[in-house]
Structures are given as structure tokens and as C-alpha cells.
Protein backbone atom coordinates (compact mmCIF):
# COMPACT_ATOMS: atom_id res chain seq x y z
CA MET A 1 -7.86 -27.88 12.17
CA ALA A 2 -8.13 -24.11 12.42
CA ARG A 3 -9.10 -22.61 9.09
CA ILE A 4 -7.11 -19.72 7.61
CA LEU A 5 -8.35 -17.72 4.63
CA VAL A 6 -5.47 -17.03 2.22
CA THR A 7 -6.25 -14.36 -0.36
CA GLY A 8 -4.02 -14.84 -3.38
CA GLY A 9 -3.19 -18.37 -2.23
CA ALA A 10 -2.87 -19.58 -5.83
CA GLY A 11 0.10 -17.28 -6.41
CA TYR A 12 3.82 -17.60 -5.88
CA ILE A 13 4.24 -16.66 -2.22
CA GLY A 14 0.67 -17.56 -1.26
CA SER A 15 1.03 -21.16 -2.42
CA HIS A 16 4.25 -21.62 -0.45
CA VAL A 17 2.50 -20.24 2.63
CA CYS A 18 -0.44 -22.63 2.11
CA LYS A 19 2.00 -25.54 2.18
CA ALA A 20 3.63 -24.21 5.36
CA LEU A 21 0.23 -23.72 7.00
CA SER A 22 -0.84 -27.26 6.16
CA GLU A 23 2.40 -28.68 7.53
CA SER A 24 1.80 -26.70 10.74
CA GLY A 25 -1.66 -28.16 11.30
CA PHE A 26 -3.85 -25.43 9.79
CA GLU A 27 -6.33 -25.75 6.94
CA PRO A 28 -5.58 -23.08 4.33
CA ILE A 29 -8.58 -21.97 2.28
CA THR A 30 -7.43 -20.17 -0.87
CA PHE A 31 -9.49 -17.24 -2.14
CA ASP A 32 -8.20 -16.22 -5.56
CA ASN A 33 -9.64 -14.89 -8.82
CA LEU A 34 -6.94 -16.80 -10.78
CA SER A 35 -6.14 -13.72 -12.86
CA THR A 36 -2.45 -14.24 -12.07
CA GLY A 37 -2.67 -17.25 -9.74
CA HIS A 38 -2.80 -20.86 -10.89
CA ARG A 39 -5.26 -23.57 -9.95
CA GLU A 40 -2.47 -26.15 -10.17
CA LEU A 41 -0.68 -24.48 -7.23
CA VAL A 42 -3.66 -24.97 -4.89
CA LYS A 43 -2.66 -28.30 -3.34
CA TRP A 44 -3.05 -27.97 0.43
CA GLY A 45 -6.70 -27.02 0.83
CA PRO A 46 -9.80 -25.96 -1.09
CA LEU A 47 -10.07 -23.08 -3.54
CA ILE A 48 -12.82 -20.47 -3.52
CA GLN A 49 -12.66 -18.57 -6.78
CA GLY A 50 -13.51 -14.90 -6.36
CA ASP A 51 -12.19 -11.36 -6.34
CA VAL A 52 -11.17 -9.63 -3.10
CA GLY A 53 -12.60 -6.41 -4.50
CA ASP A 54 -16.06 -7.98 -4.74
CA ARG A 55 -17.66 -7.27 -1.36
CA GLU A 56 -20.37 -9.89 -1.71
CA ALA A 57 -17.91 -12.58 -2.77
CA ILE A 58 -15.28 -11.97 -0.09
CA GLU A 59 -17.79 -11.48 2.72
CA GLY A 60 -19.62 -14.62 1.63
CA ALA A 61 -16.37 -16.58 1.65
CA ILE A 62 -15.48 -15.37 5.14
CA ARG A 63 -18.94 -16.29 6.45
CA GLU A 64 -18.65 -19.73 4.87
CA VAL A 65 -15.10 -20.45 6.05
CA ARG A 66 -15.26 -18.74 9.47
CA PRO A 67 -11.46 -18.41 9.56
CA GLU A 68 -9.35 -17.68 12.60
CA ALA A 69 -7.42 -15.12 10.54
CA VAL A 70 -6.81 -13.82 7.03
CA LEU A 71 -3.43 -13.94 5.28
CA HIS A 72 -3.59 -11.32 2.54
CA PHE A 73 -1.45 -11.78 -0.59
CA ALA A 74 -3.88 -10.76 -3.33
CA ALA A 75 -2.32 -7.74 -5.05
CA SER A 76 -0.57 -6.49 -8.16
CA SER A 77 3.14 -6.37 -7.46
CA CYS A 78 5.32 -5.30 -10.43
CA VAL A 79 7.19 -2.05 -9.85
CA GLY A 80 7.57 -1.14 -13.51
CA GLU A 81 3.95 -1.85 -14.34
CA SER A 82 2.82 0.14 -11.32
CA MET A 83 4.47 3.24 -12.72
CA ASN A 84 2.71 2.82 -16.07
CA GLU A 85 -0.68 1.67 -14.76
CA PRO A 86 -1.23 3.37 -11.38
CA GLY A 87 -5.01 3.00 -11.58
CA LYS A 88 -4.71 -0.78 -11.72
CA TYR A 89 -2.55 -0.76 -8.58
CA TYR A 90 -4.75 1.53 -6.52
CA ARG A 91 -7.79 -0.53 -7.56
CA ASN A 92 -6.31 -4.01 -7.05
CA ASN A 93 -4.27 -3.18 -3.96
CA VAL A 94 -5.85 -0.31 -2.04
CA ALA A 95 -9.52 -0.51 -2.98
CA ALA A 96 -9.64 -4.31 -2.75
CA SER A 97 -7.85 -4.30 0.63
CA LEU A 98 -10.37 -1.79 1.95
CA THR A 99 -13.17 -4.10 0.83
CA LEU A 100 -11.47 -7.01 2.59
CA LEU A 101 -11.04 -5.09 5.84
CA GLU A 102 -14.67 -3.98 5.81
CA ALA A 103 -15.77 -7.58 5.17
CA MET A 104 -13.64 -8.77 8.08
CA VAL A 105 -15.23 -6.24 10.43
CA ALA A 106 -18.72 -7.22 9.23
CA THR A 107 -18.02 -10.91 9.90
CA GLY A 108 -16.13 -10.54 13.17
CA VAL A 109 -12.69 -11.66 11.90
CA SER A 110 -10.11 -9.55 13.68
CA ARG A 111 -6.67 -10.88 12.65
CA ILE A 112 -4.77 -10.24 9.42
CA VAL A 113 -1.22 -10.90 8.21
CA LEU A 114 -0.35 -8.55 5.36
CA SER A 115 2.07 -9.23 2.54
CA SER A 116 3.82 -5.85 2.48
CA THR A 117 7.13 -4.76 0.98
CA CYS A 118 10.41 -2.96 1.46
CA ALA A 119 9.28 -0.75 -1.44
CA THR A 120 7.45 1.31 1.20
CA TYR A 121 10.85 2.70 2.26
CA GLY A 122 11.76 4.20 -1.10
CA THR A 123 15.41 5.27 -1.25
CA PRO A 124 16.50 5.15 2.40
CA ALA A 125 19.04 7.57 3.78
CA GLU A 126 20.93 4.74 5.47
CA THR A 127 21.22 0.97 5.39
CA PRO A 128 20.52 -1.58 6.64
CA ILE A 129 16.85 -0.59 6.77
CA SER A 130 15.04 -1.00 10.09
CA GLU A 131 11.31 -0.79 10.72
CA ASP A 132 11.88 2.73 12.06
CA THR A 133 13.38 3.92 8.77
CA PRO A 134 11.07 6.62 7.34
CA GLN A 135 8.72 5.26 4.69
CA ASP A 136 8.87 7.39 1.55
CA PRO A 137 8.09 5.13 -1.43
CA ILE A 138 9.24 6.20 -4.89
CA ASN A 139 7.03 3.88 -6.95
CA THR A 140 3.29 3.31 -7.13
CA TYR A 141 3.51 -0.27 -5.90
CA GLY A 142 5.25 0.82 -2.70
CA ARG A 143 2.81 3.69 -2.22
CA THR A 144 -0.19 1.37 -2.42
CA LYS A 145 1.27 -1.01 0.16
CA LEU A 146 2.00 1.88 2.51
CA VAL A 147 -1.61 3.04 2.20
CA ILE A 148 -2.77 -0.49 3.07
CA GLU A 149 -0.55 -0.58 6.16
CA ARG A 150 -2.02 2.72 7.30
CA MET A 151 -5.57 1.54 6.61
CA ILE A 152 -4.94 -1.49 8.80
CA ASP A 153 -3.70 0.80 11.58
CA ALA A 154 -6.90 2.84 11.28
CA PHE A 155 -9.03 -0.32 11.42
CA GLU A 156 -7.24 -1.39 14.58
CA ALA A 157 -7.95 1.98 16.21
CA ALA A 158 -11.61 1.87 15.17
CA HIS A 159 -12.46 -1.84 15.19
CA GLY A 160 -9.69 -3.70 17.05
CA THR A 161 -8.27 -5.41 13.95
CA LYS A 162 -4.92 -6.97 14.92
CA SER A 163 -2.20 -7.33 12.33
CA VAL A 164 1.31 -8.32 11.41
CA CYS A 165 2.59 -6.44 8.35
CA LEU A 166 5.53 -8.29 6.81
CA ARG A 167 7.76 -6.09 4.68
CA TYR A 168 9.56 -8.49 2.35
CA PHE A 169 12.74 -7.69 0.63
CA ASN A 170 13.25 -9.76 -2.57
CA ALA A 171 11.28 -13.02 -2.43
CA CYS A 172 12.93 -15.70 -4.57
CA GLY A 173 13.67 -19.40 -4.98
CA ALA A 174 11.20 -22.28 -5.08
CA ASP A 175 9.96 -25.00 -2.78
CA PRO A 176 12.94 -27.32 -2.13
CA GLU A 177 10.69 -30.36 -2.66
CA GLY A 178 9.45 -29.03 -5.98
CA ASP A 179 5.79 -28.79 -4.99
CA THR A 180 5.37 -25.15 -5.99
CA GLY A 181 7.38 -22.30 -7.42
CA GLU A 182 7.35 -19.05 -9.34
CA LEU A 183 4.89 -19.16 -12.22
CA HIS A 184 4.03 -15.86 -13.88
CA GLU A 185 2.54 -15.41 -17.34
CA CYS A 186 4.81 -12.40 -17.84
CA GLU A 187 7.78 -12.93 -15.53
CA PRO A 188 9.29 -9.64 -14.27
CA HIS A 189 11.75 -10.89 -11.65
CA LEU A 190 15.51 -11.06 -11.98
CA ILE A 191 16.35 -14.63 -10.98
CA PRO A 192 13.74 -16.44 -13.11
CA ARG A 193 14.47 -14.20 -16.09
CA ALA A 194 18.18 -14.96 -15.78
CA ILE A 195 17.29 -18.67 -15.69
CA PHE A 196 15.01 -18.25 -18.73
CA SER A 197 17.92 -16.59 -20.53
CA ALA A 198 20.18 -19.53 -19.62
CA LEU A 199 17.51 -21.91 -20.96
CA GLY A 200 17.17 -19.92 -24.18
CA GLN A 201 13.52 -19.14 -23.41
CA VAL A 202 13.93 -15.35 -23.66
CA SER A 203 16.04 -13.22 -25.93
CA ASP A 204 15.48 -9.89 -24.19
CA PHE A 205 16.89 -10.43 -20.69
CA SER A 206 17.94 -6.97 -19.56
CA VAL A 207 19.78 -5.28 -16.73
CA PHE A 208 18.20 -1.92 -16.05
CA GLY A 209 21.10 0.39 -15.24
CA ASP A 210 24.80 -0.27 -14.68
CA ASP A 211 25.67 3.22 -13.47
CA TYR A 212 24.39 3.12 -9.88
CA ALA A 213 26.62 4.14 -7.00
CA THR A 214 27.38 0.51 -6.12
CA PRO A 215 30.63 -1.47 -6.45
CA ASP A 216 29.79 -2.91 -9.88
CA GLY A 217 27.24 -0.27 -10.95
CA THR A 218 24.19 -2.53 -10.69
CA PRO A 219 21.48 -2.31 -7.98
CA ILE A 220 21.90 -4.29 -4.77
CA ARG A 221 19.03 -6.16 -3.14
CA ASP A 222 18.44 -8.42 -0.15
CA TYR A 223 17.20 -11.82 -1.41
CA VAL A 224 15.18 -14.09 0.91
CA HIS A 225 14.00 -17.58 0.02
CA VAL A 226 10.25 -17.93 -0.35
CA THR A 227 10.20 -20.98 1.95
CA ASP A 228 11.75 -18.86 4.72
CA LEU A 229 9.07 -16.23 4.07
CA ALA A 230 6.40 -18.92 4.32
CA SER A 231 7.70 -20.02 7.72
CA ALA A 232 7.63 -16.41 8.89
CA HIS A 233 3.95 -16.15 7.95
CA VAL A 234 3.10 -19.15 10.10
CA SER A 235 5.03 -17.54 12.98
CA ALA A 236 3.20 -14.25 12.39
CA LEU A 237 -0.13 -16.06 12.47
CA LEU A 238 0.77 -17.77 15.75
CA HIS A 239 1.85 -14.39 17.13
CA LEU A 240 -1.67 -13.08 16.52
CA LEU A 241 -3.45 -16.24 17.68
CA HIS A 242 -1.59 -15.93 20.99
CA ASN A 243 -3.06 -12.41 21.39
CA ASN A 244 0.21 -10.56 20.98
CA PRO A 245 0.16 -6.94 19.81
CA SER A 246 0.16 -5.80 16.20
CA THR A 247 3.57 -5.25 14.66
CA LYS A 248 5.43 -4.50 11.43
CA LEU A 249 8.50 -6.53 10.51
CA ASN A 250 11.20 -6.64 7.85
CA LEU A 251 11.93 -10.00 6.25
CA GLY A 252 15.28 -10.36 4.53
CA ILE A 253 18.69 -11.82 5.35
CA GLY A 254 20.59 -8.63 6.13
CA LYS A 255 22.97 -9.03 3.19
CA GLY A 256 22.74 -7.64 -0.33
CA TYR A 257 23.77 -8.97 -3.73
CA SER A 258 24.09 -6.94 -6.91
CA VAL A 259 22.29 -7.79 -10.13
CA LYS A 260 25.65 -8.76 -11.65
CA GLU A 261 26.40 -11.10 -8.72
CA ILE A 262 23.01 -12.78 -9.24
CA ILE A 263 23.65 -13.30 -12.95
CA ASP A 264 27.14 -14.68 -12.28
CA THR A 265 25.72 -17.11 -9.70
CA VAL A 266 22.97 -18.26 -12.07
CA SER A 267 25.64 -18.96 -14.68
CA ARG A 268 27.76 -20.87 -12.16
CA VAL A 269 24.88 -22.96 -10.74
CA THR A 270 23.35 -23.80 -14.13
CA LYS A 271 26.72 -24.18 -15.88
CA ARG A 272 25.30 -22.12 -18.72
CA HIS A 273 26.00 -18.76 -20.29
CA VAL A 274 23.38 -16.11 -19.44
CA PRO A 275 22.93 -13.72 -22.38
CA VAL A 276 22.10 -10.23 -21.10
CA ARG A 277 21.71 -6.73 -22.48
CA ILE A 278 22.24 -3.46 -20.60
CA ASN A 279 19.40 -0.94 -20.70
CA GLY A 280 18.81 2.36 -18.93
CA ARG A 281 17.52 2.65 -15.40
CA ARG A 282 13.83 2.08 -14.71
CA PRO A 283 11.92 4.78 -12.82
CA GLY A 284 11.24 3.77 -9.24
CA ASP A 285 14.34 1.59 -8.69
CA PRO A 286 16.54 2.62 -5.72
CA PRO A 287 20.23 1.59 -5.80
CA LEU A 288 20.44 -0.29 -2.49
CA LEU A 289 17.88 -2.12 -0.32
CA VAL A 290 19.15 -4.31 2.52
CA ALA A 291 17.19 -5.30 5.63
CA ASN A 292 17.86 -5.07 9.32
CA CYS A 293 15.92 -8.13 10.51
CA ALA A 294 16.69 -7.93 14.25
CA LYS A 295 13.06 -7.23 15.13
CA ALA A 296 11.78 -10.24 13.16
CA ARG A 297 14.33 -12.44 14.92
CA GLU A 298 13.20 -11.11 18.29
CA VAL A 299 9.43 -11.21 17.71
CA LEU A 300 9.06 -14.28 15.47
CA GLY A 301 12.32 -16.14 15.96
CA PHE A 302 12.93 -15.58 12.25
CA ALA A 303 16.01 -17.54 11.18
CA PRO A 304 16.25 -18.16 7.41
CA ARG A 305 17.32 -21.71 6.54
CA PHE A 306 17.21 -21.68 2.73
CA SER A 307 18.44 -18.18 1.85
CA ALA A 308 22.04 -18.86 0.88
CA LEU A 309 22.30 -17.47 -2.65
CA GLU A 310 23.32 -20.81 -4.19
CA THR A 311 20.36 -22.54 -2.52
CA ILE A 312 17.96 -19.88 -3.77
CA ILE A 313 19.17 -20.28 -7.33
CA GLU A 314 19.44 -24.08 -7.22
CA THR A 315 15.81 -24.42 -6.08
CA ALA A 316 14.62 -21.91 -8.67
CA TRP A 317 16.66 -23.66 -11.38
CA ASN A 318 15.25 -27.07 -10.45
CA TRP A 319 11.68 -25.71 -10.65
CA HIS A 320 12.05 -23.89 -13.97
CA ASN A 321 14.29 -26.46 -15.65
CA ARG A 322 11.87 -29.28 -14.80
CA ARG A 323 8.96 -27.32 -16.28
CA HIS A 324 11.06 -26.44 -19.33
CA ASN A 325 11.77 -30.14 -19.96
CA ALA A 326 8.31 -31.45 -19.09
């Protein structure tokens, strides 16, 4: 089996991708410092514990594994935190990615799939957002991912590094078979926090802003199931292994749901009341982000199978409710 090094493979999206890689005949090797990842989510291949920002550790891992490609998920990814702790984000995202790219060049590994984000677009002038939409991020998280994309471009020009940069919209849901799911020590994301509120696990579930220029006043996002994202990563890897050109692709479903619609659906699926409080807007949150995914359909054959809103929330509910009752 071809070996693939997965940085951040013990995390939410990384663990789902490791499962998809294994089911597609690859051997995923997780490289993770376990600062936010979880050993229990490493089920489909070995774990090498280390930090991507440690040149000796990451280069040693690449020399040991001799992977066909690197799938890069290791990063800090909370918008609000990024605005309060920009140094952490430039260190963990930009500096560590530079170290990884240099280690890849030194070891002769020339293919990378990057976990990027729609946050690189900022507040777009029009929607849906295509890959040609100008990138003008309004939060530190998005700025760091844009820098990484541009670093990868520079490494291709200088060293021939081939890449697929996948700009996710809102990753959500959990593995339909229950093998992995979202597991954060301090959960920032809307759907799990709404579920935690329904379970009575949190008393401070908040909506940040109800005065946006949207039909119900709450922000609208494009939600894509994490299992569909995982399948797209396998397709992106195959794209590179077949010597196709580098590309950048949006991953979403092309339809947006408001925060209020999400909360209402969580209540309907769980058959529970979701206590919520309304707070002011957070800095760095645009009102509307919806993807144009035509290019991903054309290049990767991307066709989400699990991204109906009810399916997203049912799989997330099953994951969190089972852990709550364990």
C-alpha cells in the first residue's frame, strides 16, 4: 500500500480522511503532536507523535515513512481565537507549514494536499464564491491560510512542489458509522455547541449577531459533511498521483443555511429545546459565505452524498449523544 503522511491526522477532519484513505487502499501515517488531536481517533494506521514546526522531527518522519504525498491538516483553526492570539496562528499555521515544505523539498516529496478555507475570501462582493473570487481575508485565521497557499505556489515555482489546495466551507457532521467525529476540548463550532445545549452540557450557547443583512438576521454559511470532505481529499490525492496540474478548489454544497435554521434543525432532529442567548457580532465574521463548487465537480468529480442538513445533524447528534451517555 502506498503510504501517505497525514499531518494533524488525529484531529476532526484528519481522522475522517485517514479512514477514507484506508478504505481506498492507502496506508495513512498520522503525524500529530496531540495538542488538540486525540490518540483514540488514530485507528487506520500508525501514529508518529511530533510537531510539524520541529524541522528535525518532521523531516525524520518523512525520511522514515517515505510517503507518496503529504496531506496537511495540522493548524490552529478558530476564527475568534485567531483575532485574539495572532502570534499563535502565524506560528502554528504559517511558520510550521514553511518548515513542512522545506522538509518535503529536502526529502524529495513533491505532492501536498492542503486543508485550506473559504475564510481566505473574506467578505466577498458577490455569491456564490468561485475560486476566481478575490481573496481578501478579514480574520487572522484566513490570512494565515492565504499565506500558506501562496507559499505553496512559490515552492512549486522554485522546487516543483505540486499541490491541491482545498478551500472548505463549513465542515460538519460525523462519520455515519460512528468511528470518528468532532472532539474538541473547547468546542467553538455551531452545530456541536447547539447539540451540547440540547444535551444540557453548556449553559452559554450563543448566537453572535442577529442584525446581519440576511433574511433572519443571522449569518449564512455553506455546510458540507466531513465524510464528503474526506472523499474529496482522496480524489485530490489521486489527482496529484496521476501527475495532473496543481489546482485550488472550493468544497461546499452551493447552498447556505442561517444560524437560526441550524438551531431549528438541531431542535427538530434531537426533539429537544436548544437554549440560546443572543450576543453581539464577533470581529471577523462575514454575513454570507456560499460556495460555487463547479470546479471541484469538474476536476475531482466532487458529488456530496451526506451533506443534506438533516443527515449532517443526525450524524453529529449520534456521535455526541453516544459519548454523552457513555
